[in-house]
Amino acid sequence: MSEKLQSILQKQQKQQEESMQKKSEEIMQLVGFIIGDEELAVPILNIQEIIKPIEYTKVPSVPDYVLGVFNLRGSILPLIDLRRKFGLSSILQTEDTRYIVIKAENSEAGFVIDKLTQAIRIKQDDIEMPPVTFHKEEDSSNLISAIGKMEESIVTILNVNALLKRDF
């Protein structure tokens, strides 16, 4: 092999290694919160805002996890209790309770969370797909999109599109 060809191959290999290293250093930014005993998270880019609880209006003939609707600066949004959505019993709101307004594409809704925790930064290498046993294969509305491994814990990353999917 000529020296020129060998030099080109070495440059290509070095570029591939650098590209792989950059990919492994990519960071996903999330907002963490507590529901029950579990820490969950959603991508920070899908958060419109986080507010203290405000008045909402009940709506008849909706699933029990839909508390009603609320007015956020002129936009009427559904309010969903994530505890009920995940099959947990409701609790009274506390000073830690927040409404997290999540948006994706042309949809947005408010979700009641027990407590806001922290902004989370996780390397792409530390994010894995959830085990197949967590959902039915034919179900496209899986609430769990990934599992993030942090230093001393694991965080469940929710599928924003599935959260916002209207099934009522």
C-alpha atoms as a PDB file:
ATOM      1  CA  MET A   1       0.000   0.000   0.000  1.00  0.00           C
ATOM      2  CA  SER A   2       1.336   3.399  -0.895  1.00  0.00           C
ATOM      3  CA  GLU A   3       2.182   5.910   1.809  1.00  0.00           C
ATOM      4  CA  LYS A   4      -0.395   8.365   0.468  1.00  0.00           C
ATOM      5  CA  LEU A   5      -3.197   5.766   0.608  1.00  0.00           C
ATOM      6  CA  GLN A   6      -2.119   4.687   4.088  1.00  0.00           C
ATOM      7  CA  SER A   7      -2.133   8.330   5.225  1.00  0.00           C
ATOM      8  CA  ILE A   8      -5.669   8.833   3.863  1.00  0.00           C
ATOM      9  CA  LEU A   9      -6.915   5.676   5.601  1.00  0.00           C
ATOM     10  CA  GLN A  10      -5.378   6.789   8.903  1.00  0.00           C
ATOM     11  CA  LYS A  11      -7.060  10.208   8.589  1.00  0.00           C
ATOM     12  CA  GLN A  12     -10.431   8.557   7.922  1.00  0.00           C
ATOM     13  CA  GLN A  13     -10.032   6.251  10.896  1.00  0.00           C
ATOM     14  CA  LYS A  14      -9.080   9.188  13.127  1.00  0.00           C
ATOM     15  CA  GLN A  15     -12.156  11.156  11.925  1.00  0.00           C
ATOM     16  CA  GLN A  16     -14.419   8.179  12.645  1.00  0.00           C
ATOM     17  CA  GLU A  17     -12.974   7.808  16.159  1.00  0.00           C
ATOM     18  CA  GLU A  18     -13.439  11.535  16.839  1.00  0.00           C
ATOM     19  CA  SER A  19     -17.015  11.377  15.523  1.00  0.00           C
ATOM     20  CA  MET A  20     -17.812   8.411  17.781  1.00  0.00           C
ATOM     21  CA  GLN A  21     -16.265  10.191  20.766  1.00  0.00           C
ATOM     22  CA  LYS A  22     -18.341  13.335  20.113  1.00  0.00           C
ATOM     23  CA  LYS A  23     -21.499  11.226  19.879  1.00  0.00           C
ATOM     24  CA  SER A  24     -20.747   9.538  23.205  1.00  0.00           C
ATOM     25  CA  GLU A  25     -20.268  12.971  24.787  1.00  0.00           C
ATOM     26  CA  GLU A  26     -23.649  14.309  23.579  1.00  0.00           C
ATOM     27  CA  ILE A  27     -25.819  15.325  26.500  1.00  0.00           C
ATOM     28  CA  MET A  28     -29.590  15.021  26.886  1.00  0.00           C
ATOM     29  CA  GLN A  29     -31.090  17.697  29.117  1.00  0.00           C
ATOM     30  CA  LEU A  30     -34.145  16.714  31.121  1.00  0.00           C
ATOM     31  CA  VAL A  31     -36.396  18.084  33.838  1.00  0.00           C
ATOM     32  CA  GLY A  32     -36.828  15.639  36.698  1.00  0.00           C
ATOM     33  CA  PHE A  33     -39.861  15.283  38.939  1.00  0.00           C
ATOM     34  CA  ILE A  34     -41.407  12.912  41.435  1.00  0.00           C
ATOM     35  CA  ILE A  35     -44.643  10.957  41.068  1.00  0.00           C
ATOM     36  CA  GLY A  36     -45.238   8.687  44.054  1.00  0.00           C
ATOM     37  CA  ASP A  37     -41.866   7.138  44.872  1.00  0.00           C
ATOM     38  CA  GLU A  38     -40.419   7.344  41.370  1.00  0.00           C
ATOM     39  CA  GLU A  39     -38.263   9.967  39.683  1.00  0.00           C
ATOM     40  CA  LEU A  40     -39.363  10.616  36.128  1.00  0.00           C
ATOM     41  CA  ALA A  41     -38.125  13.071  33.528  1.00  0.00           C
ATOM     42  CA  VAL A  42     -39.044  14.688  30.229  1.00  0.00           C
ATOM     43  CA  PRO A  43     -36.764  16.458  27.756  1.00  0.00           C
ATOM     44  CA  ILE A  44     -36.296  20.093  28.702  1.00  0.00           C
ATOM     45  CA  LEU A  45     -37.132  21.237  25.170  1.00  0.00           C
ATOM     46  CA  ASN A  46     -40.694  19.891  25.623  1.00  0.00           C
ATOM     47  CA  ILE A  47     -41.335  21.972  28.752  1.00  0.00           C
ATOM     48  CA  GLN A  48     -43.326  25.110  28.099  1.00  0.00           C
ATOM     49  CA  GLU A  49     -43.376  26.108  31.754  1.00  0.00           C
ATOM     50  CA  ILE A  50     -43.770  24.940  35.313  1.00  0.00           C
ATOM     51  CA  ILE A  51     -46.309  26.702  37.522  1.00  0.00           C
ATOM     52  CA  LYS A  52     -47.813  26.477  40.983  1.00  0.00           C
ATOM     53  CA  PRO A  53     -51.315  24.973  41.020  1.00  0.00           C
ATOM     54  CA  ILE A  54     -54.091  27.261  39.801  1.00  0.00           C
ATOM     55  CA  GLU A  55     -57.854  26.894  39.524  1.00  0.00           C
ATOM     56  CA  TYR A  56     -59.189  24.442  37.008  1.00  0.00           C
ATOM     57  CA  THR A  57     -62.673  23.573  35.760  1.00  0.00           C
ATOM     58  CA  LYS A  58     -63.930  19.990  35.872  1.00  0.00           C
ATOM     59  CA  VAL A  59     -65.165  18.500  32.616  1.00  0.00           C
ATOM     60  CA  PRO A  60     -67.776  15.719  32.494  1.00  0.00           C
ATOM     61  CA  SER A  61     -67.360  12.382  30.698  1.00  0.00           C
ATOM     62  CA  VAL A  62     -63.561  12.190  30.718  1.00  0.00           C
ATOM     63  CA  PRO A  63     -61.304   9.529  32.258  1.00  0.00           C
ATOM     64  CA  ASP A  64     -60.679   9.942  36.001  1.00  0.00           C
ATOM     65  CA  TYR A  65     -57.070  11.041  35.440  1.00  0.00           C
ATOM     66  CA  VAL A  66     -58.257  14.121  33.514  1.00  0.00           C
ATOM     67  CA  LEU A  67     -58.974  16.628  36.261  1.00  0.00           C
ATOM     68  CA  GLY A  68     -60.419  19.212  33.875  1.00  0.00           C
ATOM     69  CA  VAL A  69     -59.149  22.246  31.999  1.00  0.00           C
ATOM     70  CA  PHE A  70     -57.341  25.420  33.038  1.00  0.00           C
ATOM     71  CA  ASN A  71     -56.649  28.779  31.457  1.00  0.00           C
ATOM     72  CA  LEU A  72     -52.987  29.591  30.867  1.00  0.00           C
ATOM     73  CA  ARG A  73     -52.769  33.133  29.476  1.00  0.00           C
ATOM     74  CA  GLY A  74     -55.726  32.650  27.156  1.00  0.00           C
ATOM     75  CA  SER A  75     -55.008  29.038  26.166  1.00  0.00           C
ATOM     76  CA  ILE A  76     -57.365  26.395  27.541  1.00  0.00           C
ATOM     77  CA  LEU A  77     -55.351  23.275  28.372  1.00  0.00           C
ATOM     78  CA  PRO A  78     -56.361  19.877  29.746  1.00  0.00           C
ATOM     79  CA  LEU A  79     -55.034  19.093  33.227  1.00  0.00           C
ATOM     80  CA  ILE A  80     -53.936  15.505  33.751  1.00  0.00           C
ATOM     81  CA  ASP A  81     -53.086  13.944  37.110  1.00  0.00           C
ATOM     82  CA  LEU A  82     -50.010  11.789  36.441  1.00  0.00           C
ATOM     83  CA  ARG A  83     -50.556   9.847  39.670  1.00  0.00           C
ATOM     84  CA  ARG A  84     -53.930   8.631  38.388  1.00  0.00           C
ATOM     85  CA  LYS A  85     -52.591   8.136  34.859  1.00  0.00           C
ATOM     86  CA  PHE A  86     -49.983   5.772  36.289  1.00  0.00           C
ATOM     87  CA  GLY A  87     -52.537   3.926  38.437  1.00  0.00           C
ATOM     88  CA  LEU A  88     -51.589   5.504  41.780  1.00  0.00           C
ATOM     89  CA  SER A  89     -54.099   6.944  44.199  1.00  0.00           C
ATOM     90  CA  SER A  90     -54.617  10.697  44.325  1.00  0.00           C
ATOM     91  CA  ILE A  91     -53.211  12.778  47.135  1.00  0.00           C
ATOM     92  CA  LEU A  92     -54.000  16.250  48.334  1.00  0.00           C
ATOM     93  CA  GLN A  93     -51.898  18.945  46.765  1.00  0.00           C
ATOM     94  CA  THR A  94     -49.001  20.184  48.895  1.00  0.00           C
ATOM     95  CA  GLU A  95     -46.685  23.164  48.697  1.00  0.00           C
ATOM     96  CA  ASP A  96     -44.431  21.001  46.461  1.00  0.00           C
ATOM     97  CA  THR A  97     -47.185  20.213  43.912  1.00  0.00           C
ATOM     98  CA  ARG A  98     -46.638  21.772  40.499  1.00  0.00           C
ATOM     99  CA  TYR A  99     -48.280  21.837  37.089  1.00  0.00           C
ATOM    100  CA  ILE A 100     -45.810  21.084  34.343  1.00  0.00           C
ATOM    101  CA  VAL A 101     -46.957  22.269  30.919  1.00  0.00           C
ATOM    102  CA  ILE A 102     -45.601  19.987  28.219  1.00  0.00           C
ATOM    103  CA  LYS A 103     -45.725  20.618  24.484  1.00  0.00           C
ATOM    104  CA  ALA A 104     -44.851  18.681  21.356  1.00  0.00           C
ATOM    105  CA  GLU A 105     -45.768  19.422  17.769  1.00  0.00           C
ATOM    106  CA  ASN A 106     -49.284  20.945  17.873  1.00  0.00           C
ATOM    107  CA  SER A 107     -50.330  19.607  21.260  1.00  0.00           C
ATOM    108  CA  GLU A 108     -49.871  20.750  24.840  1.00  0.00           C
ATOM    109  CA  ALA A 109     -51.301  19.889  28.236  1.00  0.00           C
ATOM    110  CA  GLY A 110     -50.722  20.461  31.919  1.00  0.00           C
ATOM    111  CA  PHE A 111     -49.703  17.606  34.187  1.00  0.00           C
ATOM    112  CA  VAL A 112     -49.922  17.518  37.974  1.00  0.00           C
ATOM    113  CA  ILE A 113     -46.647  16.357  39.531  1.00  0.00           C
ATOM    114  CA  ASP A 114     -45.905  15.708  43.192  1.00  0.00           C
ATOM    115  CA  LYS A 115     -42.586  17.519  43.309  1.00  0.00           C
ATOM    116  CA  LEU A 116     -40.080  19.084  40.950  1.00  0.00           C
ATOM    117  CA  THR A 117     -36.563  17.731  41.511  1.00  0.00           C
ATOM    118  CA  GLN A 118     -33.818  19.041  39.261  1.00  0.00           C
ATOM    119  CA  ALA A 119     -32.505  19.720  35.812  1.00  0.00           C
ATOM    120  CA  ILE A 120     -30.761  16.547  34.696  1.00  0.00           C
ATOM    121  CA  ARG A 121     -27.942  16.164  32.205  1.00  0.00           C
ATOM    122  CA  ILE A 122     -27.288  12.616  31.008  1.00  0.00           C
ATOM    123  CA  LYS A 123     -24.773  11.465  28.414  1.00  0.00           C
ATOM    124  CA  GLN A 124     -26.331   9.669  25.433  1.00  0.00           C
ATOM    125  CA  ASP A 125     -24.198   6.638  26.345  1.00  0.00           C
ATOM    126  CA  ASP A 126     -26.040   6.412  29.676  1.00  0.00           C
ATOM    127  CA  ILE A 127     -29.501   6.280  28.082  1.00  0.00           C
ATOM    128  CA  GLU A 128     -31.005   2.948  27.112  1.00  0.00           C
ATOM    129  CA  MET A 129     -34.261   1.764  25.622  1.00  0.00           C
ATOM    130  CA  PRO A 130     -36.679   0.341  28.202  1.00  0.00           C
ATOM    131  CA  PRO A 131     -36.883  -3.446  28.451  1.00  0.00           C
ATOM    132  CA  VAL A 132     -39.322  -4.968  25.951  1.00  0.00           C
ATOM    133  CA  THR A 133     -41.348  -6.414  28.828  1.00  0.00           C
ATOM    134  CA  PHE A 134     -42.437  -2.875  29.800  1.00  0.00           C
ATOM    135  CA  HIS A 135     -44.889  -2.623  26.927  1.00  0.00           C
ATOM    136  CA  LYS A 136     -46.873  -4.513  24.346  1.00  0.00           C
ATOM    137  CA  GLU A 137     -45.063  -4.756  21.029  1.00  0.00           C
ATOM    138  CA  GLU A 138     -48.057  -3.520  19.042  1.00  0.00           C
ATOM    139  CA  ASP A 139     -48.686  -0.590  21.391  1.00  0.00           C
ATOM    140  CA  SER A 140     -47.418   2.671  19.886  1.00  0.00           C
ATOM    141  CA  SER A 141     -48.412   4.727  22.916  1.00  0.00           C
ATOM    142  CA  ASN A 142     -45.696   3.580  25.331  1.00  0.00           C
ATOM    143  CA  LEU A 143     -45.354   6.110  28.129  1.00  0.00           C
ATOM    144  CA  ILE A 144     -41.703   5.188  28.743  1.00  0.00           C
ATOM    145  CA  SER A 145     -39.285   6.266  26.038  1.00  0.00           C
ATOM    146  CA  ALA A 146     -35.956   5.459  27.730  1.00  0.00           C
ATOM    147  CA  ILE A 147     -34.119   4.739  30.965  1.00  0.00           C
ATOM    148  CA  GLY A 148     -31.325   7.071  32.067  1.00  0.00           C
ATOM    149  CA  LYS A 149     -28.516   5.853  34.307  1.00  0.00           C
ATOM    150  CA  MET A 150     -27.230   8.460  36.722  1.00  0.00           C
ATOM    151  CA  GLU A 151     -24.433   8.092  39.284  1.00  0.00           C
ATOM    152  CA  GLU A 152     -26.513   6.642  42.093  1.00  0.00           C
ATOM    153  CA  SER A 153     -29.950   6.169  40.565  1.00  0.00           C
ATOM    154  CA  ILE A 154     -32.026   5.509  37.492  1.00  0.00           C
ATOM    155  CA  VAL A 155     -34.503   7.947  35.961  1.00  0.00           C
ATOM    156  CA  THR A 156     -37.406   6.959  33.735  1.00  0.00           C
ATOM    157  CA  ILE A 157     -37.658   9.219  30.685  1.00  0.00           C
ATOM    158  CA  LEU A 158     -41.237   9.642  29.538  1.00  0.00           C
ATOM    159  CA  ASN A 159     -42.450   9.640  25.952  1.00  0.00           C
ATOM    160  CA  VAL A 160     -43.856  13.151  25.486  1.00  0.00           C
ATOM    161  CA  ASN A 161     -45.908  12.251  22.408  1.00  0.00           C
ATOM    162  CA  ALA A 162     -47.578   9.355  24.257  1.00  0.00           C
ATOM    163  CA  LEU A 163     -48.301  11.621  27.261  1.00  0.00           C
ATOM    164  CA  LEU A 164     -49.968  14.169  24.996  1.00  0.00           C
ATOM    165  CA  LYS A 165     -51.913  11.612  22.958  1.00  0.00           C
ATOM    166  CA  ARG A 166     -55.616  12.268  23.502  1.00  0.00           C
ATOM    167  CA  ASP A 167     -57.401   9.085  24.457  1.00  0.00           C
ATOM    168  CA  PHE A 168     -60.488  10.847  25.768  1.00  0.00           C
END
